[in-house]
């Protein structure tokens, strides 16, 4: 496990409630959730990137739908198996 450094971090009451709710939903500690968010966002900010979550979600949805359409046309018999594998991999490798 990575050595952790204790530091003070102040958040607004609405942010705190959102973090608390997220942690409860995922069965994780609040600190774990905050570290995950930092791990996701910090590299983008370090590269000078702005995070546009609406655009990010739209791109993910578009790519998912486009790929699903292509798989359904090219190999319809494999589509369900690929979805099952994707779910399995998300659980195994991403804790989803």
PDB file of N, CA and C in Angstrom:
ATOM      1  N   UNK A   1       0.833  -1.177   0.000  1.00  0.00           N
ATOM      2  CA  UNK A   1       0.000   0.000   0.000  1.00  0.00           C
ATOM      3  C   UNK A   1       0.879   1.242   0.000  1.00  0.00           C
ATOM      4  N   UNK A   2       0.455   2.244  -0.709  1.00  0.00           N
ATOM      5  CA  UNK A   2       1.179   3.502  -0.771  1.00  0.00           C
ATOM      6  C   UNK A   2       1.112   4.205   0.580  1.00  0.00           C
ATOM      7  N   UNK A   3       2.234   4.786   0.978  1.00  0.00           N
ATOM      8  CA  UNK A   3       2.245   5.551   2.220  1.00  0.00           C
ATOM      9  C   UNK A   3       1.430   6.820   2.004  1.00  0.00           C
ATOM     10  N   UNK A   4       0.550   7.119   2.933  1.00  0.00           N
ATOM     11  CA  UNK A   4      -0.311   8.288   2.822  1.00  0.00           C
ATOM     12  C   UNK A   4       0.163   9.383   3.755  1.00  0.00           C
ATOM     13  N   UNK A   5       0.002  10.618   3.321  1.00  0.00           N
ATOM     14  CA  UNK A   5       0.352  11.783   4.111  1.00  0.00           C
ATOM     15  C   UNK A   5      -0.937  12.462   4.535  1.00  0.00           C
ATOM     16  N   UNK A   6      -1.108  12.658   5.815  1.00  0.00           N
ATOM     17  CA  UNK A   6      -2.299  13.324   6.331  1.00  0.00           C
ATOM     18  C   UNK A   6      -2.191  14.813   6.047  1.00  0.00           C
ATOM     19  N   UNK A   7      -3.230  15.381   5.474  1.00  0.00           N
ATOM     20  CA  UNK A   7      -3.248  16.819   5.232  1.00  0.00           C
ATOM     21  C   UNK A   7      -4.670  17.332   5.451  1.00  0.00           C
ATOM     22  N   UNK A   8      -4.772  18.581   5.761  1.00  0.00           N
ATOM     23  CA  UNK A   8      -6.097  19.167   5.949  1.00  0.00           C
ATOM     24  C   UNK A   8      -6.662  19.599   4.602  1.00  0.00           C
ATOM     25  N   UNK A   9      -7.916  19.316   4.394  1.00  0.00           N
ATOM     26  CA  UNK A   9      -8.573  19.697   3.150  1.00  0.00           C
ATOM     27  C   UNK A   9      -9.966  20.196   3.513  1.00  0.00           C
ATOM     28  N   UNK A  10     -10.251  21.425   3.159  1.00  0.00           N
ATOM     29  CA  UNK A  10     -11.564  21.986   3.460  1.00  0.00           C
ATOM     30  C   UNK A  10     -12.434  21.939   2.215  1.00  0.00           C
ATOM     31  N   UNK A  11     -13.670  21.530   2.400  1.00  0.00           N
ATOM     32  CA  UNK A  11     -14.644  21.496   1.316  1.00  0.00           C
ATOM     33  C   UNK A  11     -15.912  22.195   1.782  1.00  0.00           C
ATOM     34  N   UNK A  12     -16.716  22.626   0.843  1.00  0.00           N
ATOM     35  CA  UNK A  12     -17.979  23.274   1.192  1.00  0.00           C
ATOM     36  C   UNK A  12     -18.966  22.230   1.712  1.00  0.00           C
ATOM     37  N   UNK A  13     -19.980  22.638   2.445  1.00  0.00           N
ATOM     38  CA  UNK A  13     -20.983  21.670   2.914  1.00  0.00           C
ATOM     39  C   UNK A  13     -21.625  20.863   1.783  1.00  0.00           C
ATOM     40  N   UNK A  14     -21.981  21.484   0.640  1.00  0.00           N
ATOM     41  CA  UNK A  14     -22.535  20.656  -0.445  1.00  0.00           C
ATOM     42  C   UNK A  14     -21.531  19.645  -0.996  1.00  0.00           C
ATOM     43  N   UNK A  15     -20.259  20.033  -1.103  1.00  0.00           N
ATOM     44  CA  UNK A  15     -19.237  19.098  -1.559  1.00  0.00           C
ATOM     45  C   UNK A  15     -19.090  17.946  -0.577  1.00  0.00           C
ATOM     46  N   UNK A  16     -19.096  18.264   0.699  1.00  0.00           N
ATOM     47  CA  UNK A  16     -18.974  17.230   1.723  1.00  0.00           C
ATOM     48  C   UNK A  16     -20.121  16.228   1.618  1.00  0.00           C
ATOM     49  N   UNK A  17     -21.335  16.727   1.454  1.00  0.00           N
ATOM     50  CA  UNK A  17     -22.494  15.839   1.352  1.00  0.00           C
ATOM     51  C   UNK A  17     -22.395  14.948   0.116  1.00  0.00           C
ATOM     52  N   UNK A  18     -21.912  15.504  -0.991  1.00  0.00           N
ATOM     53  CA  UNK A  18     -21.761  14.714  -2.217  1.00  0.00           C
ATOM     54  C   UNK A  18     -20.710  13.631  -2.044  1.00  0.00           C
ATOM     55  N   UNK A  19     -19.585  13.974  -1.418  1.00  0.00           N
ATOM     56  CA  UNK A  19     -18.523  12.997  -1.175  1.00  0.00           C
ATOM     57  C   UNK A  19     -19.022  11.916  -0.222  1.00  0.00           C
ATOM     58  N   UNK A  20     -19.706  12.323   0.820  1.00  0.00           N
ATOM     59  CA  UNK A  20     -20.247  11.378   1.799  1.00  0.00           C
ATOM     60  C   UNK A  20     -21.219  10.408   1.130  1.00  0.00           C
ATOM     61  N   UNK A  21     -22.116  10.936   0.303  1.00  0.00           N
ATOM     62  CA  UNK A  21     -23.098  10.106  -0.409  1.00  0.00           C
ATOM     63  C   UNK A  21     -22.404   9.145  -1.376  1.00  0.00           C
ATOM     64  N   UNK A  22     -21.416   9.628  -2.103  1.00  0.00           N
ATOM     65  CA  UNK A  22     -20.672   8.794  -3.039  1.00  0.00           C
ATOM     66  C   UNK A  22     -19.976   7.643  -2.310  1.00  0.00           C
ATOM     67  N   UNK A  23     -19.350   7.959  -1.201  1.00  0.00           N
ATOM     68  CA  UNK A  23     -18.652   6.929  -0.421  1.00  0.00           C
ATOM     69  C   UNK A  23     -19.629   5.867   0.072  1.00  0.00           C
ATOM     70  N   UNK A  24     -20.777   6.302   0.553  1.00  0.00           N
ATOM     71  CA  UNK A  24     -21.791   5.352   1.034  1.00  0.00           C
ATOM     72  C   UNK A  24     -22.295   4.468  -0.110  1.00  0.00           C
ATOM     73  N   UNK A  25     -22.538   5.063  -1.262  1.00  0.00           N
ATOM     74  CA  UNK A  25     -23.042   4.310  -2.416  1.00  0.00           C
ATOM     75  C   UNK A  25     -22.061   3.238  -2.864  1.00  0.00           C
ATOM     76  N   UNK A  26     -20.777   3.517  -2.738  1.00  0.00           N
ATOM     77  CA  UNK A  26     -19.758   2.593  -3.219  1.00  0.00           C
ATOM     78  C   UNK A  26     -19.120   1.767  -2.110  1.00  0.00           C
ATOM     79  N   UNK A  27     -19.587   1.980  -0.885  1.00  0.00           N
ATOM     80  CA  UNK A  27     -19.037   1.219   0.232  1.00  0.00           C
ATOM     81  C   UNK A  27     -17.566   1.488   0.469  1.00  0.00           C
ATOM     82  N   UNK A  28     -17.166   2.738   0.260  1.00  0.00           N
ATOM     83  CA  UNK A  28     -15.764   3.114   0.434  1.00  0.00           C
ATOM     84  C   UNK A  28     -15.666   4.253   1.438  1.00  0.00           C
ATOM     85  N   UNK A  29     -14.472   4.474   1.941  1.00  0.00           N
ATOM     86  CA  UNK A  29     -14.252   5.622   2.818  1.00  0.00           C
ATOM     87  C   UNK A  29     -14.245   6.898   1.978  1.00  0.00           C
ATOM     88  N   UNK A  30     -14.607   7.997   2.622  1.00  0.00           N
ATOM     89  CA  UNK A  30     -14.615   9.279   1.924  1.00  0.00           C
ATOM     90  C   UNK A  30     -13.233   9.626   1.387  1.00  0.00           C
ATOM     91  N   UNK A  31     -12.211   9.338   2.169  1.00  0.00           N
ATOM     92  CA  UNK A  31     -10.843   9.644   1.742  1.00  0.00           C
ATOM     93  C   UNK A  31     -10.467   8.873   0.480  1.00  0.00           C
ATOM     94  N   UNK A  32     -10.933   7.627   0.368  1.00  0.00           N
ATOM     95  CA  UNK A  32     -10.655   6.834  -0.836  1.00  0.00           C
ATOM     96  C   UNK A  32     -11.305   7.477  -2.059  1.00  0.00           C
ATOM     97  N   UNK A  33     -12.529   7.941  -1.884  1.00  0.00           N
ATOM     98  CA  UNK A  33     -13.228   8.577  -2.996  1.00  0.00           C
ATOM     99  C   UNK A  33     -12.509   9.845  -3.445  1.00  0.00           C
ATOM    100  N   UNK A  34     -12.089  10.653  -2.487  1.00  0.00           N
ATOM    101  CA  UNK A  34     -11.382  11.895  -2.825  1.00  0.00           C
ATOM    102  C   UNK A  34     -10.064  11.574  -3.525  1.00  0.00           C
ATOM    103  N   UNK A  35      -9.326  10.587  -3.029  1.00  0.00           N
ATOM    104  CA  UNK A  35      -8.066  10.205  -3.696  1.00  0.00           C
ATOM    105  C   UNK A  35      -8.313   9.721  -5.119  1.00  0.00           C
ATOM    106  N   UNK A  36      -9.385   8.963  -5.339  1.00  0.00           N
ATOM    107  CA  UNK A  36      -9.708   8.496  -6.688  1.00  0.00           C
ATOM    108  C   UNK A  36     -10.010   9.672  -7.615  1.00  0.00           C
ATOM    109  N   UNK A  37     -10.750  10.644  -7.095  1.00  0.00           N
ATOM    110  CA  UNK A  37     -11.060  11.821  -7.914  1.00  0.00           C
ATOM    111  C   UNK A  37      -9.796  12.614  -8.234  1.00  0.00           C
ATOM    112  N   UNK A  38      -8.905  12.725  -7.271  1.00  0.00           N
ATOM    113  CA  UNK A  38      -7.640  13.423  -7.502  1.00  0.00           C
ATOM    114  C   UNK A  38      -6.810  12.670  -8.541  1.00  0.00           C
ATOM    115  N   UNK A  39      -6.732  11.348  -8.413  1.00  0.00           N
ATOM    116  CA  UNK A  39      -5.969  10.541  -9.376  1.00  0.00           C
ATOM    117  C   UNK A  39      -6.511  10.698 -10.788  1.00  0.00           C
ATOM    118  N   UNK A  40      -7.819  10.867 -10.916  1.00  0.00           N
ATOM    119  CA  UNK A  40      -8.425  11.031 -12.238  1.00  0.00           C
ATOM    120  C   UNK A  40      -8.175  12.434 -12.795  1.00  0.00           C
ATOM    121  N   UNK A  41      -8.392  13.456 -11.979  1.00  0.00           N
ATOM    122  CA  UNK A  41      -8.384  14.824 -12.485  1.00  0.00           C
ATOM    123  C   UNK A  41      -7.009  15.488 -12.504  1.00  0.00           C
ATOM    124  N   UNK A  42      -6.160  15.185 -11.541  1.00  0.00           N
ATOM    125  CA  UNK A  42      -4.887  15.883 -11.429  1.00  0.00           C
ATOM    126  C   UNK A  42      -4.013  15.788 -12.684  1.00  0.00           C
ATOM    127  N   UNK A  43      -3.864  14.599 -13.282  1.00  0.00           N
ATOM    128  CA  UNK A  43      -3.045  14.543 -14.504  1.00  0.00           C
ATOM    129  C   UNK A  43      -3.572  15.447 -15.623  1.00  0.00           C
ATOM    130  N   UNK A  44      -4.882  15.557 -15.731  1.00  0.00           N
ATOM    131  CA  UNK A  44      -5.450  16.435 -16.757  1.00  0.00           C
ATOM    132  C   UNK A  44      -5.126  17.897 -16.473  1.00  0.00           C
ATOM    133  N   UNK A  45      -5.266  18.306 -15.214  1.00  0.00           N
ATOM    134  CA  UNK A  45      -4.948  19.681 -14.853  1.00  0.00           C
ATOM    135  C   UNK A  45      -3.463  19.969 -15.026  1.00  0.00           C
ATOM    136  N   UNK A  46      -2.615  18.998 -14.717  1.00  0.00           N
ATOM    137  CA  UNK A  46      -1.175  19.182 -14.884  1.00  0.00           C
ATOM    138  C   UNK A  46      -0.802  19.400 -16.343  1.00  0.00           C
ATOM    139  N   UNK A  47      -1.593  18.832 -17.244  1.00  0.00           N
ATOM    140  CA  UNK A  47      -1.350  19.017 -18.682  1.00  0.00           C
ATOM    141  C   UNK A  47      -2.025  20.278 -19.214  1.00  0.00           C
ATOM    142  N   UNK A  48      -2.657  21.017 -18.317  1.00  0.00           N
ATOM    143  CA  UNK A  48      -3.323  22.250 -18.735  1.00  0.00           C
ATOM    144  C   UNK A  48      -4.689  22.018 -19.348  1.00  0.00           C
ATOM    145  N   UNK A  49      -5.250  20.858 -19.126  1.00  0.00           N
ATOM    146  CA  UNK A  49      -6.547  20.527 -19.703  1.00  0.00           C
ATOM    147  C   UNK A  49      -7.672  20.960 -18.788  1.00  0.00           C
ATOM    148  N   UNK A  50      -8.724  21.430 -19.404  1.00  0.00           N
ATOM    149  CA  UNK A  50      -9.945  21.732 -18.668  1.00  0.00           C
ATOM    150  C   UNK A  50     -10.804  20.472 -18.710  1.00  0.00           C
ATOM    151  N   UNK A  51     -11.505  20.193 -17.642  1.00  0.00           N
ATOM    152  CA  UNK A  51     -12.362  19.010 -17.614  1.00  0.00           C
ATOM    153  C   UNK A  51     -13.794  19.449 -17.877  1.00  0.00           C
ATOM    154  N   UNK A  52     -14.316  19.025 -19.006  1.00  0.00           N
ATOM    155  CA  UNK A  52     -15.703  19.305 -19.375  1.00  0.00           C
ATOM    156  C   UNK A  52     -16.452  17.982 -19.260  1.00  0.00           C
ATOM    157  N   UNK A  53     -17.069  17.745 -18.100  1.00  0.00           N
ATOM    158  CA  UNK A  53     -17.687  16.452 -17.836  1.00  0.00           C
ATOM    159  C   UNK A  53     -18.844  16.152 -18.774  1.00  0.00           C
ATOM    160  N   UNK A  54     -19.609  17.166 -19.147  1.00  0.00           N
ATOM    161  CA  UNK A  54     -20.715  16.932 -20.081  1.00  0.00           C
ATOM    162  C   UNK A  54     -20.165  16.432 -21.418  1.00  0.00           C
ATOM    163  N   UNK A  55     -19.090  17.041 -21.887  1.00  0.00           N
ATOM    164  CA  UNK A  55     -18.478  16.598 -23.148  1.00  0.00           C
ATOM    165  C   UNK A  55     -17.886  15.195 -22.998  1.00  0.00           C
ATOM    166  N   UNK A  56     -17.238  14.945 -21.876  1.00  0.00           N
ATOM    167  CA  UNK A  56     -16.640  13.636 -21.625  1.00  0.00           C
ATOM    168  C   UNK A  56     -17.699  12.536 -21.632  1.00  0.00           C
ATOM    169  N   UNK A  57     -18.798  12.762 -20.937  1.00  0.00           N
ATOM    170  CA  UNK A  57     -19.874  11.769 -20.897  1.00  0.00           C
ATOM    171  C   UNK A  57     -20.487  11.594 -22.283  1.00  0.00           C
ATOM    172  N   UNK A  58     -20.671  12.688 -23.011  1.00  0.00           N
ATOM    173  CA  UNK A  58     -21.215  12.601 -24.367  1.00  0.00           C
ATOM    174  C   UNK A  58     -20.301  11.777 -25.266  1.00  0.00           C
ATOM    175  N   UNK A  59     -19.001  11.994 -25.167  1.00  0.00           N
ATOM    176  CA  UNK A  59     -18.057  11.228 -25.982  1.00  0.00           C
ATOM    177  C   UNK A  59     -18.079   9.751 -25.604  1.00  0.00           C
ATOM    178  N   UNK A  60     -18.134   9.458 -24.311  1.00  0.00           N
ATOM    179  CA  UNK A  60     -18.199   8.057 -23.880  1.00  0.00           C
ATOM    180  C   UNK A  60     -19.461   7.383 -24.402  1.00  0.00           C
ATOM    181  N   UNK A  61     -20.583   8.072 -24.295  1.00  0.00           N
ATOM    182  CA  UNK A  61     -21.837   7.506 -24.777  1.00  0.00           C
ATOM    183  C   UNK A  61     -21.810   7.307 -26.294  1.00  0.00           C
ATOM    184  N   UNK A  62     -21.287   8.287 -27.024  1.00  0.00           N
ATOM    185  CA  UNK A  62     -21.206   8.162 -28.476  1.00  0.00           C
ATOM    186  C   UNK A  62     -20.349   6.961 -28.862  1.00  0.00           C
ATOM    187  N   UNK A  63     -19.175   6.865 -28.246  1.00  0.00           N
ATOM    188  CA  UNK A  63     -18.275   5.750 -28.570  1.00  0.00           C
ATOM    189  C   UNK A  63     -18.894   4.407 -28.218  1.00  0.00           C
ATOM    190  N   UNK A  64     -19.583   4.342 -27.096  1.00  0.00           N
ATOM    191  CA  UNK A  64     -20.245   3.101 -26.699  1.00  0.00           C
ATOM    192  C   UNK A  64     -21.317   2.713 -27.703  1.00  0.00           C
ATOM    193  N   UNK A  65     -22.141   3.682 -28.075  1.00  0.00           N
ATOM    194  CA  UNK A  65     -23.218   3.390 -29.033  1.00  0.00           C
ATOM    195  C   UNK A  65     -22.664   3.030 -30.414  1.00  0.00           C
ATOM    196  N   UNK A  66     -21.646   3.757 -30.858  1.00  0.00           N
ATOM    197  CA  UNK A  66     -21.049   3.470 -32.164  1.00  0.00           C
ATOM    198  C   UNK A  66     -20.436   2.078 -32.185  1.00  0.00           C
ATOM    199  N   UNK A  67     -19.689   1.740 -31.143  1.00  0.00           N
ATOM    200  CA  UNK A  67     -19.062   0.422 -31.088  1.00  0.00           C
ATOM    201  C   UNK A  67     -20.115  -0.680 -30.992  1.00  0.00           C
ATOM    202  N   UNK A  68     -21.142  -0.462 -30.202  1.00  0.00           N
ATOM    203  CA  UNK A  68     -22.222  -1.437 -30.078  1.00  0.00           C
ATOM    204  C   UNK A  68     -22.886  -1.678 -31.434  1.00  0.00           C
ATOM    205  N   UNK A  69     -23.130  -0.604 -32.175  1.00  0.00           N
ATOM    206  CA  UNK A  69     -23.728  -0.736 -33.504  1.00  0.00           C
ATOM    207  C   UNK A  69     -22.840  -1.553 -34.432  1.00  0.00           C
ATOM    208  N   UNK A  70     -21.536  -1.258 -34.416  1.00  0.00           N
ATOM    209  CA  UNK A  70     -20.603  -1.986 -35.282  1.00  0.00           C
ATOM    210  C   UNK A  70     -20.524  -3.462 -34.908  1.00  0.00           C
ATOM    211  N   UNK A  71     -20.471  -3.760 -33.616  1.00  0.00           N
ATOM    212  CA  UNK A  71     -20.398  -5.156 -33.171  1.00  0.00           C
ATOM    213  C   UNK A  71     -21.693  -5.884 -33.532  1.00  0.00           C
ATOM    214  N   UNK A  72     -22.825  -5.246 -33.312  1.00  0.00           N
ATOM    215  CA  UNK A  72     -24.109  -5.878 -33.633  1.00  0.00           C
ATOM    216  C   UNK A  72     -24.188  -6.227 -35.128  1.00  0.00           C
ATOM    217  N   UNK A  73     -23.626  -5.370 -35.966  1.00  0.00           N
ATOM    218  CA  UNK A  73     -23.660  -5.632 -37.417  1.00  0.00           C
ATOM    219  C   UNK A  73     -22.623  -6.663 -37.847  1.00  0.00           C
ATOM    220  N   UNK A  74     -21.423  -6.572 -37.296  1.00  0.00           N
ATOM    221  CA  UNK A  74     -20.327  -7.433 -37.732  1.00  0.00           C
ATOM    222  C   UNK A  74     -20.379  -8.828 -37.116  1.00  0.00           C
ATOM    223  N   UNK A  75     -20.769  -8.918 -35.858  1.00  0.00           N
ATOM    224  CA  UNK A  75     -20.767 -10.210 -35.172  1.00  0.00           C
ATOM    225  C   UNK A  75     -21.872 -10.243 -34.114  1.00  0.00           C
ATOM    226  N   UNK A  76     -23.116 -10.258 -34.540  1.00  0.00           N
ATOM    227  CA  UNK A  76     -24.219 -10.204 -33.575  1.00  0.00           C
ATOM    228  C   UNK A  76     -24.206 -11.339 -32.560  1.00  0.00           C
ATOM    229  N   UNK A  77     -23.681 -12.485 -32.953  1.00  0.00           N
ATOM    230  CA  UNK A  77     -23.642 -13.631 -32.036  1.00  0.00           C
ATOM    231  C   UNK A  77     -22.644 -13.424 -30.893  1.00  0.00           C
ATOM    232  N   UNK A  78     -21.728 -12.483 -31.052  1.00  0.00           N
ATOM    233  CA  UNK A  78     -20.705 -12.211 -30.031  1.00  0.00           C
ATOM    234  C   UNK A  78     -21.074 -11.039 -29.121  1.00  0.00           C
ATOM    235  N   UNK A  79     -22.081 -10.264 -29.489  1.00  0.00           N
ATOM    236  CA  UNK A  79     -22.378  -9.019 -28.777  1.00  0.00           C
ATOM    237  C   UNK A  79     -22.659  -9.235 -27.293  1.00  0.00           C
ATOM    238  N   UNK A  80     -23.518 -10.182 -26.957  1.00  0.00           N
ATOM    239  CA  UNK A  80     -23.853 -10.409 -25.549  1.00  0.00           C
ATOM    240  C   UNK A  80     -22.641 -10.901 -24.758  1.00  0.00           C
ATOM    241  N   UNK A  81     -21.858 -11.760 -25.366  1.00  0.00           N
ATOM    242  CA  UNK A  81     -20.665 -12.276 -24.693  1.00  0.00           C
ATOM    243  C   UNK A  81     -19.677 -11.149 -24.419  1.00  0.00           C
ATOM    244  N   UNK A  82     -19.534 -10.226 -25.363  1.00  0.00           N
ATOM    245  CA  UNK A  82     -18.618  -9.102 -25.165  1.00  0.00           C
ATOM    246  C   UNK A  82     -19.094  -8.193 -24.041  1.00  0.00           C
ATOM    247  N   UNK A  83     -20.390  -7.990 -23.964  1.00  0.00           N
ATOM    248  CA  UNK A  83     -20.929  -7.173 -22.879  1.00  0.00           C
ATOM    249  C   UNK A  83     -20.661  -7.836 -21.529  1.00  0.00           C
ATOM    250  N   UNK A  84     -20.887  -9.145 -21.456  1.00  0.00           N
ATOM    251  CA  UNK A  84     -20.611  -9.877 -20.216  1.00  0.00           C
ATOM    252  C   UNK A  84     -19.135  -9.774 -19.830  1.00  0.00           C
ATOM    253  N   UNK A  85     -18.253  -9.894 -20.821  1.00  0.00           N
ATOM    254  CA  UNK A  85     -16.816  -9.772 -20.555  1.00  0.00           C
ATOM    255  C   UNK A  85     -16.451  -8.359 -20.097  1.00  0.00           C
ATOM    256  N   UNK A  86     -17.072  -7.367 -20.700  1.00  0.00           N
ATOM    257  CA  UNK A  86     -16.796  -5.976 -20.316  1.00  0.00           C
ATOM    258  C   UNK A  86     -17.191  -5.741 -18.861  1.00  0.00           C
ATOM    259  N   UNK A  87     -18.343  -6.263 -18.466  1.00  0.00           N
ATOM    260  CA  UNK A  87     -18.797  -6.122 -17.083  1.00  0.00           C
ATOM    261  C   UNK A  87     -17.840  -6.852 -16.142  1.00  0.00           C
ATOM    262  N   UNK A  88     -17.446  -8.042 -16.529  1.00  0.00           N
ATOM    263  CA  UNK A  88     -16.507  -8.819 -15.711  1.00  0.00           C
ATOM    264  C   UNK A  88     -15.177  -8.091 -15.554  1.00  0.00           C
ATOM    265  N   UNK A  89     -14.667  -7.534 -16.651  1.00  0.00           N
ATOM    266  CA  UNK A  89     -13.394  -6.809 -16.599  1.00  0.00           C
ATOM    267  C   UNK A  89     -13.519  -5.531 -15.758  1.00  0.00           C
ATOM    268  N   UNK A  90     -14.645  -4.848 -15.867  1.00  0.00           N
ATOM    269  CA  UNK A  90     -14.839  -3.633 -15.068  1.00  0.00           C
ATOM    270  C   UNK A  90     -14.812  -3.973 -13.585  1.00  0.00           C
ATOM    271  N   UNK A  91     -15.437  -5.090 -13.215  1.00  0.00           N
ATOM    272  CA  UNK A  91     -15.443  -5.503 -11.816  1.00  0.00           C
ATOM    273  C   UNK A  91     -14.053  -5.949 -11.367  1.00  0.00           C
ATOM    274  N   UNK A  92     -13.367  -6.685 -12.215  1.00  0.00           N
ATOM    275  CA  UNK A  92     -12.050  -7.219 -11.856  1.00  0.00           C
ATOM    276  C   UNK A  92     -10.978  -6.143 -11.793  1.00  0.00           C
ATOM    277  N   UNK A  93     -10.947  -5.278 -12.798  1.00  0.00           N
ATOM    278  CA  UNK A  93      -9.843  -4.337 -12.929  1.00  0.00           C
ATOM    279  C   UNK A  93     -10.138  -2.917 -12.463  1.00  0.00           C
ATOM    280  N   UNK A  94     -11.411  -2.591 -12.276  1.00  0.00           N
ATOM    281  CA  UNK A  94     -11.757  -1.215 -11.942  1.00  0.00           C
ATOM    282  C   UNK A  94     -12.642  -1.104 -10.710  1.00  0.00           C
ATOM    283  N   UNK A  95     -12.942  -2.233 -10.079  1.00  0.00           N
ATOM    284  CA  UNK A  95     -13.745  -2.197  -8.869  1.00  0.00           C
ATOM    285  C   UNK A  95     -15.152  -1.690  -9.088  1.00  0.00           C
ATOM    286  N   UNK A  96     -15.623  -1.800 -10.338  1.00  0.00           N
ATOM    287  CA  UNK A  96     -16.980  -1.286 -10.646  1.00  0.00           C
ATOM    288  C   UNK A  96     -18.043  -2.299 -10.270  1.00  0.00           C
TER     289      UNK A  96
END
